[in-house]
Amino acid sequence: MNMVECNTYNYKEVFTMSTCSKYTEEILYKSHSLGIAEDVFSLSKELRENDKTLDFDCAIEKAYSHLTK
């Protein structure tokens, strides 16, 4: 999935984040407010190394879910 989508609005290209990216941004904001942002990034990196099929957004979501259980 593309992180940025290109749309044409009034004959100008407008770049917007996809829904998945917006949700990831929300998760990162919440993790920062909980003080676990670094832990989320570390765990998501580990998850992506172990499972090459995970993309950034999915790994962040799984890491956050695991850490906030």
N, C-alpha and C. Protein backbone atom coordinates (compact mmCIF):
# COMPACT_ATOMS: atom_id res chain seq x y z
N MET A 1 0.84 -1.17 0.00
CA MET A 1 0.00 0.00 0.00
C MET A 1 0.89 1.24 0.00
N ASN A 2 0.55 2.20 -0.82
CA ASN A 2 1.32 3.44 -0.85
C ASN A 2 1.03 4.26 0.39
N MET A 3 2.08 4.86 0.92
CA MET A 3 1.91 5.71 2.10
C MET A 3 1.29 7.05 1.70
N VAL A 4 1.53 7.48 0.46
CA VAL A 4 1.03 8.76 0.00
C VAL A 4 0.27 8.54 -1.30
N GLU A 5 -0.89 9.14 -1.38
CA GLU A 5 -1.68 9.05 -2.59
C GLU A 5 -1.66 10.39 -3.29
N CYS A 6 -1.63 10.36 -4.60
CA CYS A 6 -1.62 11.58 -5.38
C CYS A 6 -3.00 11.77 -6.00
N ASN A 7 -3.61 12.90 -5.76
CA ASN A 7 -4.91 13.22 -6.33
C ASN A 7 -4.80 14.54 -7.08
N THR A 8 -5.69 14.74 -8.03
CA THR A 8 -5.71 16.01 -8.75
C THR A 8 -6.89 16.81 -8.26
N TYR A 9 -6.64 18.03 -7.83
CA TYR A 9 -7.67 18.92 -7.33
C TYR A 9 -7.43 20.29 -7.94
N ASN A 10 -8.39 20.78 -8.67
CA ASN A 10 -8.26 22.06 -9.38
C ASN A 10 -6.99 22.10 -10.22
N TYR A 11 -6.74 21.01 -10.95
CA TYR A 11 -5.61 20.88 -11.87
C TYR A 11 -4.25 20.93 -11.18
N LYS A 12 -4.21 20.70 -9.88
CA LYS A 12 -2.95 20.66 -9.14
C LYS A 12 -2.87 19.31 -8.45
N GLU A 13 -1.67 18.79 -8.37
CA GLU A 13 -1.48 17.52 -7.66
C GLU A 13 -1.51 17.77 -6.17
N VAL A 14 -2.30 16.99 -5.48
CA VAL A 14 -2.41 17.10 -4.03
C VAL A 14 -2.03 15.75 -3.45
N PHE A 15 -1.12 15.74 -2.51
CA PHE A 15 -0.67 14.49 -1.89
C PHE A 15 -1.33 14.36 -0.52
N THR A 16 -1.96 13.20 -0.31
CA THR A 16 -2.60 12.93 0.97
C THR A 16 -2.14 11.59 1.50
N MET A 17 -2.12 11.45 2.81
CA MET A 17 -1.75 10.18 3.41
C MET A 17 -2.91 9.21 3.29
N SER A 18 -2.60 7.96 3.12
CA SER A 18 -3.65 6.94 3.05
C SER A 18 -4.25 6.73 4.44
N THR A 19 -5.37 6.05 4.48
CA THR A 19 -6.06 5.77 5.75
C THR A 19 -5.15 4.99 6.69
N CYS A 20 -4.42 4.04 6.15
CA CYS A 20 -3.52 3.22 6.95
C CYS A 20 -2.43 4.09 7.59
N SER A 21 -1.90 5.02 6.85
CA SER A 21 -0.87 5.92 7.37
C SER A 21 -1.42 6.82 8.47
N LYS A 22 -2.64 7.27 8.29
CA LYS A 22 -3.25 8.13 9.31
C LYS A 22 -3.45 7.36 10.61
N TYR A 23 -3.86 6.09 10.49
CA TYR A 23 -4.04 5.26 11.67
C TYR A 23 -2.70 5.02 12.37
N THR A 24 -1.66 4.78 11.59
CA THR A 24 -0.32 4.59 12.15
C THR A 24 0.14 5.85 12.87
N GLU A 25 -0.13 7.00 12.29
CA GLU A 25 0.23 8.27 12.92
C GLU A 25 -0.49 8.42 14.26
N GLU A 26 -1.73 8.02 14.30
CA GLU A 26 -2.52 8.06 15.54
C GLU A 26 -1.92 7.14 16.60
N ILE A 27 -1.54 5.93 16.19
CA ILE A 27 -0.93 4.97 17.11
C ILE A 27 0.38 5.52 17.66
N LEU A 28 1.19 6.12 16.79
CA LEU A 28 2.47 6.68 17.24
C LEU A 28 2.27 7.85 18.19
N TYR A 29 1.24 8.64 17.95
CA TYR A 29 0.93 9.75 18.84
C TYR A 29 0.54 9.21 20.22
N LYS A 30 -0.33 8.19 20.23
CA LYS A 30 -0.75 7.58 21.51
C LYS A 30 0.43 6.95 22.24
N SER A 31 1.29 6.26 21.49
CA SER A 31 2.44 5.61 22.14
C SER A 31 3.40 6.64 22.71
N HIS A 32 3.53 7.76 22.04
CA HIS A 32 4.39 8.83 22.56
C HIS A 32 3.81 9.39 23.85
N SER A 33 2.49 9.59 23.87
CA SER A 33 1.86 10.14 25.09
C SER A 33 1.93 9.15 26.25
N LEU A 34 2.01 7.84 25.95
CA LEU A 34 2.16 6.83 26.99
C LEU A 34 3.62 6.61 27.39
N GLY A 35 4.52 7.20 26.63
CA GLY A 35 5.95 7.05 26.93
C GLY A 35 6.55 5.75 26.42
N ILE A 36 5.89 5.12 25.44
CA ILE A 36 6.38 3.84 24.94
C ILE A 36 6.75 3.89 23.46
N ALA A 37 6.95 5.08 22.93
CA ALA A 37 7.22 5.23 21.50
C ALA A 37 8.48 4.47 21.08
N GLU A 38 9.55 4.59 21.83
CA GLU A 38 10.79 3.89 21.48
C GLU A 38 10.61 2.38 21.54
N ASP A 39 9.84 1.91 22.51
CA ASP A 39 9.56 0.48 22.62
C ASP A 39 8.75 -0.02 21.42
N VAL A 40 7.79 0.80 20.98
CA VAL A 40 6.98 0.44 19.82
C VAL A 40 7.86 0.34 18.58
N PHE A 41 8.74 1.33 18.38
CA PHE A 41 9.64 1.29 17.23
C PHE A 41 10.57 0.09 17.28
N SER A 42 11.12 -0.19 18.45
CA SER A 42 12.04 -1.33 18.59
C SER A 42 11.35 -2.65 18.30
N LEU A 43 10.19 -2.84 18.90
CA LEU A 43 9.46 -4.09 18.69
C LEU A 43 9.00 -4.21 17.24
N SER A 44 8.56 -3.12 16.63
CA SER A 44 8.11 -3.19 15.24
C SER A 44 9.27 -3.54 14.31
N LYS A 45 10.45 -3.04 14.62
CA LYS A 45 11.63 -3.38 13.82
C LYS A 45 11.94 -4.88 13.94
N GLU A 46 11.86 -5.38 15.16
CA GLU A 46 12.10 -6.81 15.40
C GLU A 46 11.06 -7.67 14.68
N LEU A 47 9.80 -7.25 14.73
CA LEU A 47 8.73 -7.98 14.05
C LEU A 47 8.96 -8.03 12.54
N ARG A 48 9.39 -6.90 11.96
CA ARG A 48 9.64 -6.85 10.51
C ARG A 48 10.84 -7.68 10.12
N GLU A 49 11.83 -7.77 11.00
CA GLU A 49 13.00 -8.60 10.71
C GLU A 49 12.63 -10.08 10.72
N ASN A 50 11.73 -10.46 11.63
CA ASN A 50 11.31 -11.86 11.75
C ASN A 50 10.27 -12.26 10.71
N ASP A 51 9.48 -11.31 10.25
CA ASP A 51 8.43 -11.60 9.26
C ASP A 51 8.54 -10.57 8.14
N LYS A 52 9.16 -10.96 7.06
CA LYS A 52 9.42 -10.05 5.93
C LYS A 52 8.15 -9.60 5.21
N THR A 53 7.01 -10.25 5.49
CA THR A 53 5.76 -9.86 4.83
C THR A 53 5.09 -8.67 5.50
N LEU A 54 5.53 -8.31 6.71
CA LEU A 54 4.93 -7.18 7.42
C LEU A 54 5.43 -5.87 6.84
N ASP A 55 4.52 -4.94 6.64
CA ASP A 55 4.94 -3.60 6.25
C ASP A 55 5.05 -2.74 7.52
N PHE A 56 5.52 -1.53 7.36
CA PHE A 56 5.75 -0.64 8.50
C PHE A 56 4.48 -0.44 9.32
N ASP A 57 3.37 -0.13 8.65
CA ASP A 57 2.13 0.17 9.35
C ASP A 57 1.63 -1.02 10.17
N CYS A 58 1.67 -2.19 9.58
CA CYS A 58 1.20 -3.40 10.26
C CYS A 58 2.09 -3.73 11.46
N ALA A 59 3.38 -3.57 11.30
CA ALA A 59 4.32 -3.85 12.39
C ALA A 59 4.11 -2.89 13.55
N ILE A 60 3.88 -1.62 13.26
CA ILE A 60 3.62 -0.63 14.31
C ILE A 60 2.35 -0.99 15.06
N GLU A 61 1.31 -1.36 14.33
CA GLU A 61 0.04 -1.72 14.96
C GLU A 61 0.20 -2.95 15.86
N LYS A 62 0.90 -3.98 15.38
CA LYS A 62 1.11 -5.18 16.18
C LYS A 62 1.95 -4.89 17.42
N ALA A 63 2.99 -4.09 17.27
CA ALA A 63 3.85 -3.75 18.40
C ALA A 63 3.07 -2.98 19.46
N TYR A 64 2.30 -2.01 19.03
CA TYR A 64 1.51 -1.20 19.96
C TYR A 64 0.49 -2.08 20.70
N SER A 65 -0.18 -2.94 19.95
CA SER A 65 -1.17 -3.83 20.57
C SER A 65 -0.53 -4.75 21.59
N HIS A 66 0.64 -5.28 21.27
CA HIS A 66 1.35 -6.17 22.18
C HIS A 66 1.77 -5.44 23.46
N LEU A 67 2.26 -4.21 23.31
CA LEU A 67 2.76 -3.46 24.46
C LEU A 67 1.66 -2.88 25.33
N THR A 68 0.47 -2.73 24.81
CA THR A 68 -0.61 -2.12 25.60
C THR A 68 -1.62 -3.13 26.11
N LYS A 69 -1.33 -4.41 25.96
CA LYS A 69 -2.24 -5.44 26.48
C LYS A 69 -2.25 -5.44 27.98
